[in-house]
Structures are given as structure tokens and as C-alpha cells.
Amino acid sequence: GVVEDALRRLIAFKERFAAPKVVALTEPGPPFAS
């Protein structure tokens, strides 16, 4: 329980503040034609 409480808080932090998933590019670049 001691370790798991800290892990739960770390997981919640990561879920809240993690960078968004990278979206695949729809065109070659940069520079982008659009």
C-alpha cells in the first residue's frame, strides 16, 4: 500500500499532463505544401 499509493498518484499525474499522442503526418514535409 505504501508504494502503490505513490504509484497511483504518479499514474494520475502522467495521465493528466502527458504530451498528446503524435498524429501521423498527412503530407510530406516540412516544408508542407499546404
PDB file of all heavy atoms in Angstrom:
ATOM      1  N   GLY A   1       0.805  -1.225   0.000  1.00  0.00           N
ATOM      2  CA  GLY A   1       0.000   0.000   0.000  1.00  0.00           C
ATOM      3  C   GLY A   1       0.828   1.260   0.000  1.00  0.00           C
ATOM      4  O   GLY A   1       0.450   2.265  -0.609  1.00  0.00           O
ATOM      5  N   VAL A   2       1.966   1.241   0.672  1.00  0.00           N
ATOM      6  CA  VAL A   2       2.824   2.433   0.740  1.00  0.00           C
ATOM      7  C   VAL A   2       3.331   2.800  -0.653  1.00  0.00           C
ATOM      8  O   VAL A   2       3.263   3.950  -1.071  1.00  0.00           O
ATOM      9  CB  VAL A   2       4.012   2.188   1.704  1.00  0.00           C
ATOM     10  CG1 VAL A   2       5.001   3.337   1.647  1.00  0.00           C
ATOM     11  CG2 VAL A   2       3.522   1.973   3.119  1.00  0.00           C
ATOM     12  N   VAL A   3       3.819   1.811  -1.360  1.00  0.00           N
ATOM     13  CA  VAL A   3       4.363   2.057  -2.695  1.00  0.00           C
ATOM     14  C   VAL A   3       3.232   2.285  -3.698  1.00  0.00           C
ATOM     15  O   VAL A   3       3.316   3.163  -4.555  1.00  0.00           O
ATOM     16  CB  VAL A   3       5.270   0.882  -3.130  1.00  0.00           C
ATOM     17  CG1 VAL A   3       5.773   1.074  -4.544  1.00  0.00           C
ATOM     18  CG2 VAL A   3       6.434   0.734  -2.159  1.00  0.00           C
ATOM     19  N   GLU A   4       2.160   1.541  -3.588  1.00  0.00           N
ATOM     20  CA  GLU A   4       1.064   1.649  -4.552  1.00  0.00           C
ATOM     21  C   GLU A   4       0.368   3.000  -4.496  1.00  0.00           C
ATOM     22  O   GLU A   4      -0.062   3.516  -5.525  1.00  0.00           O
ATOM     23  CB  GLU A   4       0.070   0.512  -4.342  1.00  0.00           C
ATOM     24  CG  GLU A   4       0.632  -0.828  -4.788  1.00  0.00           C
ATOM     25  CD  GLU A   4      -0.226  -2.009  -4.400  1.00  0.00           C
ATOM     26  OE1 GLU A   4      -1.259  -1.825  -3.715  1.00  0.00           O
ATOM     27  OE2 GLU A   4       0.136  -3.133  -4.780  1.00  0.00           O
ATOM     28  N   ASP A   5       0.264   3.603  -3.320  1.00  0.00           N
ATOM     29  CA  ASP A   5      -0.347   4.935  -3.228  1.00  0.00           C
ATOM     30  C   ASP A   5       0.457   5.947  -4.056  1.00  0.00           C
ATOM     31  O   ASP A   5      -0.109   6.735  -4.809  1.00  0.00           O
ATOM     32  CB  ASP A   5      -0.432   5.399  -1.774  1.00  0.00           C
ATOM     33  CG  ASP A   5      -1.487   4.666  -0.967  1.00  0.00           C
ATOM     34  OD1 ASP A   5      -2.357   4.005  -1.575  1.00  0.00           O
ATOM     35  OD2 ASP A   5      -1.438   4.756   0.277  1.00  0.00           O
ATOM     36  N   ALA A   6       1.779   5.895  -3.899  1.00  0.00           N
ATOM     37  CA  ALA A   6       2.635   6.796  -4.672  1.00  0.00           C
ATOM     38  C   ALA A   6       2.522   6.498  -6.170  1.00  0.00           C
ATOM     39  O   ALA A   6       2.445   7.418  -6.990  1.00  0.00           O
ATOM     40  CB  ALA A   6       4.084   6.684  -4.215  1.00  0.00           C
ATOM     41  N   LEU A   7       2.486   5.223  -6.536  1.00  0.00           N
ATOM     42  CA  LEU A   7       2.362   4.860  -7.953  1.00  0.00           C
ATOM     43  C   LEU A   7       1.045   5.348  -8.538  1.00  0.00           C
ATOM     44  O   LEU A   7       1.005   5.825  -9.675  1.00  0.00           O
ATOM     45  CB  LEU A   7       2.495   3.350  -8.130  1.00  0.00           C
ATOM     46  CG  LEU A   7       3.894   2.783  -7.913  1.00  0.00           C
ATOM     47  CD1 LEU A   7       3.861   1.261  -7.969  1.00  0.00           C
ATOM     48  CD2 LEU A   7       4.875   3.347  -8.919  1.00  0.00           C
ATOM     49  N   ARG A   8      -0.045   5.244  -7.777  1.00  0.00           N
ATOM     50  CA  ARG A   8      -1.342   5.739  -8.262  1.00  0.00           C
ATOM     51  C   ARG A   8      -1.277   7.242  -8.537  1.00  0.00           C
ATOM     52  O   ARG A   8      -1.794   7.725  -9.545  1.00  0.00           O
ATOM     53  CB  ARG A   8      -2.450   5.433  -7.256  1.00  0.00           C
ATOM     54  CG  ARG A   8      -3.075   4.066  -7.438  1.00  0.00           C
ATOM     55  CD  ARG A   8      -4.362   3.927  -6.615  1.00  0.00           C
ATOM     56  NE  ARG A   8      -4.091   3.799  -5.195  1.00  0.00           N
ATOM     57  CZ  ARG A   8      -3.700   2.681  -4.600  1.00  0.00           C
ATOM     58  NH1 ARG A   8      -3.529   1.590  -5.302  1.00  0.00           N
ATOM     59  NH2 ARG A   8      -3.485   2.647  -3.307  1.00  0.00           N
ATOM     60  N   ARG A   9      -0.636   7.974  -7.646  1.00  0.00           N
ATOM     61  CA  ARG A   9      -0.521   9.424  -7.860  1.00  0.00           C
ATOM     62  C   ARG A   9       0.348   9.730  -9.081  1.00  0.00           C
ATOM     63  O   ARG A   9       0.041  10.644  -9.848  1.00  0.00           O
ATOM     64  CB  ARG A   9       0.022  10.100  -6.605  1.00  0.00           C
ATOM     65  CG  ARG A   9      -0.980  10.108  -5.456  1.00  0.00           C
ATOM     66  CD  ARG A   9      -0.517  10.939  -4.284  1.00  0.00           C
ATOM     67  NE  ARG A   9       0.683  10.446  -3.643  1.00  0.00           N
ATOM     68  CZ  ARG A   9       0.705   9.616  -2.604  1.00  0.00           C
ATOM     69  NH1 ARG A   9      -0.428   9.173  -2.088  1.00  0.00           N
ATOM     70  NH2 ARG A   9       1.861   9.244  -2.072  1.00  0.00           N
ATOM     71  N   LEU A  10       1.410   8.970  -9.270  1.00  0.00           N
ATOM     72  CA  LEU A  10       2.264   9.178 -10.440  1.00  0.00           C
ATOM     73  C   LEU A  10       1.526   8.864 -11.743  1.00  0.00           C
ATOM     74  O   LEU A  10       1.651   9.591 -12.731  1.00  0.00           O
ATOM     75  CB  LEU A  10       3.524   8.324 -10.344  1.00  0.00           C
ATOM     76  CG  LEU A  10       4.527   8.776  -9.288  1.00  0.00           C
ATOM     77  CD1 LEU A  10       5.625   7.731  -9.126  1.00  0.00           C
ATOM     78  CD2 LEU A  10       5.121  10.114  -9.651  1.00  0.00           C
ATOM     79  N   ILE A  11       0.747   7.807 -11.741  1.00  0.00           N
ATOM     80  CA  ILE A  11      -0.035   7.446 -12.928  1.00  0.00           C
ATOM     81  C   ILE A  11      -1.056   8.540 -13.227  1.00  0.00           C
ATOM     82  O   ILE A  11      -1.228   8.946 -14.383  1.00  0.00           O
ATOM     83  CB  ILE A  11      -0.703   6.074 -12.748  1.00  0.00           C
ATOM     84  CG1 ILE A  11       0.367   4.970 -12.771  1.00  0.00           C
ATOM     85  CG2 ILE A  11      -1.767   5.827 -13.815  1.00  0.00           C
ATOM     86  CD1 ILE A  11      -0.125   3.616 -12.295  1.00  0.00           C
ATOM     87  N   ALA A  12      -1.725   9.046 -12.195  1.00  0.00           N
ATOM     88  CA  ALA A  12      -2.710  10.117 -12.388  1.00  0.00           C
ATOM     89  C   ALA A  12      -2.032  11.369 -12.943  1.00  0.00           C
ATOM     90  O   ALA A  12      -2.563  12.033 -13.845  1.00  0.00           O
ATOM     91  CB  ALA A  12      -3.411  10.429 -11.072  1.00  0.00           C
ATOM     92  N   PHE A  13      -0.852  11.691 -12.437  1.00  0.00           N
ATOM     93  CA  PHE A  13      -0.093  12.838 -12.937  1.00  0.00           C
ATOM     94  C   PHE A  13       0.244  12.652 -14.414  1.00  0.00           C
ATOM     95  O   PHE A  13       0.046  13.555 -15.231  1.00  0.00           O
ATOM     96  CB  PHE A  13       1.188  13.001 -12.114  1.00  0.00           C
ATOM     97  CG  PHE A  13       2.053  14.134 -12.569  1.00  0.00           C
ATOM     98  CD1 PHE A  13       1.847  15.417 -12.091  1.00  0.00           C
ATOM     99  CD2 PHE A  13       3.090  13.927 -13.471  1.00  0.00           C
ATOM    100  CE1 PHE A  13       2.645  16.467 -12.506  1.00  0.00           C
ATOM    101  CE2 PHE A  13       3.889  14.974 -13.892  1.00  0.00           C
ATOM    102  CZ  PHE A  13       3.666  16.249 -13.411  1.00  0.00           C
ATOM    103  N   LYS A  14       0.731  11.478 -14.751  1.00  0.00           N
ATOM    104  CA  LYS A  14       1.111  11.197 -16.138  1.00  0.00           C
ATOM    105  C   LYS A  14      -0.105  11.271 -17.065  1.00  0.00           C
ATOM    106  O   LYS A  14      -0.031  11.834 -18.153  1.00  0.00           O
ATOM    107  CB  LYS A  14       1.767   9.824 -16.227  1.00  0.00           C
ATOM    108  CG  LYS A  14       2.264   9.476 -17.601  1.00  0.00           C
ATOM    109  CD  LYS A  14       2.958   8.135 -17.619  1.00  0.00           C
ATOM    110  CE  LYS A  14       3.367   7.770 -19.019  1.00  0.00           C
ATOM    111  NZ  LYS A  14       4.022   6.480 -19.093  1.00  0.00           N
ATOM    112  N   GLU A  15      -1.225  10.710 -16.631  1.00  0.00           N
ATOM    113  CA  GLU A  15      -2.430  10.739 -17.470  1.00  0.00           C
ATOM    114  C   GLU A  15      -2.920  12.164 -17.680  1.00  0.00           C
ATOM    115  O   GLU A  15      -3.415  12.510 -18.740  1.00  0.00           O
ATOM    116  CB  GLU A  15      -3.526   9.883 -16.844  1.00  0.00           C
ATOM    117  CG  GLU A  15      -3.256   8.402 -16.961  1.00  0.00           C
ATOM    118  CD  GLU A  15      -4.245   7.541 -16.182  1.00  0.00           C
ATOM    119  OE1 GLU A  15      -5.030   8.081 -15.358  1.00  0.00           O
ATOM    120  OE2 GLU A  15      -4.219   6.314 -16.386  1.00  0.00           O
ATOM    121  N   ARG A  16      -2.768  13.007 -16.659  1.00  0.00           N
ATOM    122  CA  ARG A  16      -3.261  14.380 -16.773  1.00  0.00           C
ATOM    123  C   ARG A  16      -2.333  15.266 -17.595  1.00  0.00           C
ATOM    124  O   ARG A  16      -2.781  16.119 -18.350  1.00  0.00           O
ATOM    125  CB  ARG A  16      -3.446  14.981 -15.388  1.00  0.00           C
ATOM    126  CG  ARG A  16      -3.965  16.390 -15.431  1.00  0.00           C
ATOM    127  CD  ARG A  16      -4.392  16.904 -14.107  1.00  0.00           C
ATOM    128  NE  ARG A  16      -4.869  18.265 -14.250  1.00  0.00           N
ATOM    129  CZ  ARG A  16      -4.997  19.106 -13.275  1.00  0.00           C
ATOM    130  NH1 ARG A  16      -4.731  18.720 -12.047  1.00  0.00           N
ATOM    131  NH2 ARG A  16      -5.417  20.325 -13.488  1.00  0.00           N
ATOM    132  N   PHE A  17      -1.016  15.087 -17.453  1.00  0.00           N
ATOM    133  CA  PHE A  17      -0.084  16.033 -18.044  1.00  0.00           C
ATOM    134  C   PHE A  17       0.785  15.477 -19.171  1.00  0.00           C
ATOM    135  O   PHE A  17       1.616  16.202 -19.705  1.00  0.00           O
ATOM    136  CB  PHE A  17       0.830  16.601 -16.955  1.00  0.00           C
ATOM    137  CG  PHE A  17       0.076  17.419 -15.952  1.00  0.00           C
ATOM    138  CD1 PHE A  17      -0.143  16.928 -14.674  1.00  0.00           C
ATOM    139  CD2 PHE A  17      -0.426  18.667 -16.277  1.00  0.00           C
ATOM    140  CE1 PHE A  17      -0.845  17.672 -13.741  1.00  0.00           C
ATOM    141  CE2 PHE A  17      -1.132  19.420 -15.352  1.00  0.00           C
ATOM    142  CZ  PHE A  17      -1.334  18.917 -14.085  1.00  0.00           C
ATOM    143  N   ALA A  18       0.610  14.222 -19.531  1.00  0.00           N
ATOM    144  CA  ALA A  18       1.429  13.642 -20.601  1.00  0.00           C
ATOM    145  C   ALA A  18       1.155  14.359 -21.917  1.00  0.00           C
ATOM    146  O   ALA A  18       0.049  14.839 -22.165  1.00  0.00           O
ATOM    147  CB  ALA A  18       1.130  12.153 -20.744  1.00  0.00           C
ATOM    148  N   ALA A  19       2.165  14.423 -22.740  1.00  0.00           N
ATOM    149  CA  ALA A  19       2.018  15.031 -24.057  1.00  0.00           C
ATOM    150  C   ALA A  19       1.011  14.225 -24.869  1.00  0.00           C
ATOM    151  O   ALA A  19       0.916  13.005 -24.711  1.00  0.00           O
ATOM    152  CB  ALA A  19       3.362  15.063 -24.774  1.00  0.00           C
ATOM    153  N   PRO A  20       0.246  14.901 -25.720  1.00  0.00           N
ATOM    154  CA  PRO A  20      -0.695  14.160 -26.550  1.00  0.00           C
ATOM    155  C   PRO A  20       0.032  13.211 -27.482  1.00  0.00           C
ATOM    156  O   PRO A  20       1.204  13.419 -27.800  1.00  0.00           O
ATOM    157  CB  PRO A  20      -1.420  15.257 -27.347  1.00  0.00           C
ATOM    158  CG  PRO A  20      -0.530  16.447 -27.268  1.00  0.00           C
ATOM    159  CD  PRO A  20       0.278  16.316 -26.014  1.00  0.00           C
ATOM    160  N   LYS A  21      -0.671  12.201 -27.906  1.00  0.00           N
ATOM    161  CA  LYS A  21      -0.072  11.245 -28.831  1.00  0.00           C
ATOM    162  C   LYS A  21       0.250  11.943 -30.146  1.00  0.00           C
ATOM    163  O   LYS A  21      -0.449  12.835 -30.584  1.00  0.00           O
ATOM    164  CB  LYS A  21      -1.025  10.078 -29.073  1.00  0.00           C
ATOM    165  CG  LYS A  21      -1.211   9.245 -27.831  1.00  0.00           C
ATOM    166  CD  LYS A  21      -2.046   8.040 -28.086  1.00  0.00           C
ATOM    167  CE  LYS A  21      -2.126   7.279 -26.775  1.00  0.00           C
ATOM    168  NZ  LYS A  21      -2.872   6.101 -26.829  1.00  0.00           N
ATOM    169  N   VAL A  22       1.325  11.533 -30.753  1.00  0.00           N
ATOM    170  CA  VAL A  22       1.748  12.121 -32.021  1.00  0.00           C
ATOM    171  C   VAL A  22       0.804  11.655 -33.120  1.00  0.00           C
ATOM    172  O   VAL A  22       0.499  10.472 -33.236  1.00  0.00           O
ATOM    173  CB  VAL A  22       3.201  11.700 -32.347  1.00  0.00           C
ATOM    174  CG1 VAL A  22       3.623  12.220 -33.706  1.00  0.00           C
ATOM    175  CG2 VAL A  22       4.126  12.197 -31.257  1.00  0.00           C
ATOM    176  N   VAL A  23       0.332  12.616 -33.901  1.00  0.00           N
ATOM    177  CA  VAL A  23      -0.558  12.319 -35.016  1.00  0.00           C
ATOM    178  C   VAL A  23       0.285  12.155 -36.276  1.00  0.00           C
ATOM    179  O   VAL A  23       1.182  12.958 -36.541  1.00  0.00           O
ATOM    180  CB  VAL A  23      -1.582  13.462 -35.203  1.00  0.00           C
ATOM    181  CG1 VAL A  23      -2.480  13.198 -36.398  1.00  0.00           C
ATOM    182  CG2 VAL A  23      -2.386  13.654 -33.934  1.00  0.00           C
ATOM    183  N   ALA A  24      -0.005  11.130 -37.037  1.00  0.00           N
ATOM    184  CA  ALA A  24       0.743  10.871 -38.267  1.00  0.00           C
ATOM    185  C   ALA A  24       0.558  12.025 -39.251  1.00  0.00           C
ATOM    186  O   ALA A  24      -0.526  12.606 -39.346  1.00  0.00           O
ATOM    187  CB  ALA A  24       0.273   9.571 -38.892  1.00  0.00           C
ATOM    188  N   LEU A  25       1.610  12.361 -39.962  1.00  0.00           N
ATOM    189  CA  LEU A  25       1.541  13.423 -40.966  1.00  0.00           C
ATOM    190  C   LEU A  25       0.713  12.967 -42.155  1.00  0.00           C
ATOM    191  O   LEU A  25       0.759  11.807 -42.545  1.00  0.00           O
ATOM    192  CB  LEU A  25       2.948  13.801 -41.426  1.00  0.00           C
ATOM    193  CG  LEU A  25       3.873  14.383 -40.363  1.00  0.00           C
ATOM    194  CD1 LEU A  25       5.259  14.631 -40.955  1.00  0.00           C
ATOM    195  CD2 LEU A  25       3.301  15.670 -39.807  1.00  0.00           C
ATOM    196  N   THR A  26      -0.032  13.918 -42.726  1.00  0.00           N
ATOM    197  CA  THR A  26      -0.855  13.590 -43.893  1.00  0.00           C
ATOM    198  C   THR A  26      -0.178  13.997 -45.200  1.00  0.00           C
ATOM    199  O   THR A  26      -0.683  13.708 -46.265  1.00  0.00           O
ATOM    200  CB  THR A  26      -2.227  14.289 -43.799  1.00  0.00           C
ATOM    201  OG1 THR A  26      -2.007  15.704 -43.676  1.00  0.00           O
ATOM    202  CG2 THR A  26      -3.018  13.773 -42.612  1.00  0.00           C
ATOM    203  N   GLU A  27       0.950  14.697 -45.090  1.00  0.00           N
ATOM    204  CA  GLU A  27       1.699  15.085 -46.276  1.00  0.00           C
ATOM    205  C   GLU A  27       3.178  15.153 -45.917  1.00  0.00           C
ATOM    206  O   GLU A  27       3.524  15.367 -44.762  1.00  0.00           O
ATOM    207  CB  GLU A  27       1.202  16.426 -46.823  1.00  0.00           C
ATOM    208  CG  GLU A  27       1.390  17.590 -45.866  1.00  0.00           C
ATOM    209  CD  GLU A  27       0.877  18.909 -46.422  1.00  0.00           C
ATOM    210  OE1 GLU A  27       1.341  19.322 -47.503  1.00  0.00           O
ATOM    211  OE2 GLU A  27       0.029  19.515 -45.769  1.00  0.00           O
ATOM    212  N   PRO A  28       4.058  14.955 -46.912  1.00  0.00           N
ATOM    213  CA  PRO A  28       5.491  15.014 -46.611  1.00  0.00           C
ATOM    214  C   PRO A  28       5.925  16.445 -46.294  1.00  0.00           C
ATOM    215  O   PRO A  28       5.386  17.406 -46.830  1.00  0.00           O
ATOM    216  CB  PRO A  28       6.144  14.496 -47.890  1.00  0.00           C
ATOM    217  CG  PRO A  28       5.122  14.676 -48.957  1.00  0.00           C
ATOM    218  CD  PRO A  28       3.784  14.631 -48.289  1.00  0.00           C
ATOM    219  N   GLY A  29       6.876  16.588 -45.450  1.00  0.00           N
ATOM    220  CA  GLY A  29       7.385  17.914 -45.111  1.00  0.00           C
ATOM    221  C   GLY A  29       8.135  17.839 -43.815  1.00  0.00           C
ATOM    222  O   GLY A  29       8.309  16.759 -43.269  1.00  0.00           O
ATOM    223  N   PRO A  30       8.559  18.902 -43.251  1.00  0.00           N
ATOM    224  CA  PRO A  30       8.436  20.263 -43.781  1.00  0.00           C
ATOM    225  C   PRO A  30       9.439  20.524 -44.895  1.00  0.00           C
ATOM    226  O   PRO A  30      10.427  19.807 -44.971  1.00  0.00           O
ATOM    227  CB  PRO A  30       8.707  21.138 -42.555  1.00  0.00           C
ATOM    228  CG  PRO A  30       9.495  20.304 -41.617  1.00  0.00           C
ATOM    229  CD  PRO A  30       9.181  18.881 -41.933  1.00  0.00           C
ATOM    230  N   PRO A  31       9.252  21.525 -45.703  1.00  0.00           N
ATOM    231  CA  PRO A  31       8.091  22.410 -45.685  1.00  0.00           C
ATOM    232  C   PRO A  31       6.855  21.695 -46.242  1.00  0.00           C
ATOM    233  O   PRO A  31       6.971  20.843 -47.120  1.00  0.00           O
ATOM    234  CB  PRO A  31       8.496  23.568 -46.585  1.00  0.00           C
ATOM    235  CG  PRO A  31       9.487  22.972 -47.538  1.00  0.00           C
ATOM    236  CD  PRO A  31      10.193  21.883 -46.773  1.00  0.00           C
ATOM    237  N   PHE A  32       5.717  22.033 -45.699  1.00  0.00           N
ATOM    238  CA  PHE A  32       4.461  21.411 -46.114  1.00  0.00           C
ATOM    239  C   PHE A  32       3.835  22.206 -47.259  1.00  0.00           C
ATOM    240  O   PHE A  32       3.790  23.431 -47.221  1.00  0.00           O
ATOM    241  CB  PHE A  32       3.483  21.348 -44.942  1.00  0.00           C
ATOM    242  CG  PHE A  32       3.992  20.492 -43.810  1.00  0.00           C
ATOM    243  CD1 PHE A  32       4.579  21.066 -42.695  1.00  0.00           C
ATOM    244  CD2 PHE A  32       3.896  19.109 -43.880  1.00  0.00           C
ATOM    245  CE1 PHE A  32       5.052  20.280 -41.661  1.00  0.00           C
ATOM    246  CE2 PHE A  32       4.372  18.319 -42.850  1.00  0.00           C
ATOM    247  CZ  PHE A  32       4.962  18.902 -41.734  1.00  0.00           C
ATOM    248  N   ALA A  33       3.346  21.486 -48.250  1.00  0.00           N
ATOM    249  CA  ALA A  33       2.724  22.139 -49.414  1.00  0.00           C
ATOM    250  C   ALA A  33       1.540  22.992 -48.976  1.00  0.00           C
ATOM    251  O   ALA A  33       1.347  24.108 -49.475  1.00  0.00           O
ATOM    252  CB  ALA A  33       2.293  21.091 -50.439  1.00  0.00           C
ATOM    253  N   SER A  34       0.758  22.508 -48.026  1.00  0.00           N
ATOM    254  CA  SER A  34      -0.415  23.276 -47.575  1.00  0.00           C
ATOM    255  C   SER A  34       0.009  24.571 -46.886  1.00  0.00           C
ATOM    256  O   SER A  34      -0.653  25.605 -47.022  1.00  0.00           O
ATOM    257  CB  SER A  34      -1.273  22.433 -46.636  1.00  0.00           C
ATOM    258  OG  SER A  34      -0.527  22.030 -45.499  1.00  0.00           O
TER     259      SER A  34
END
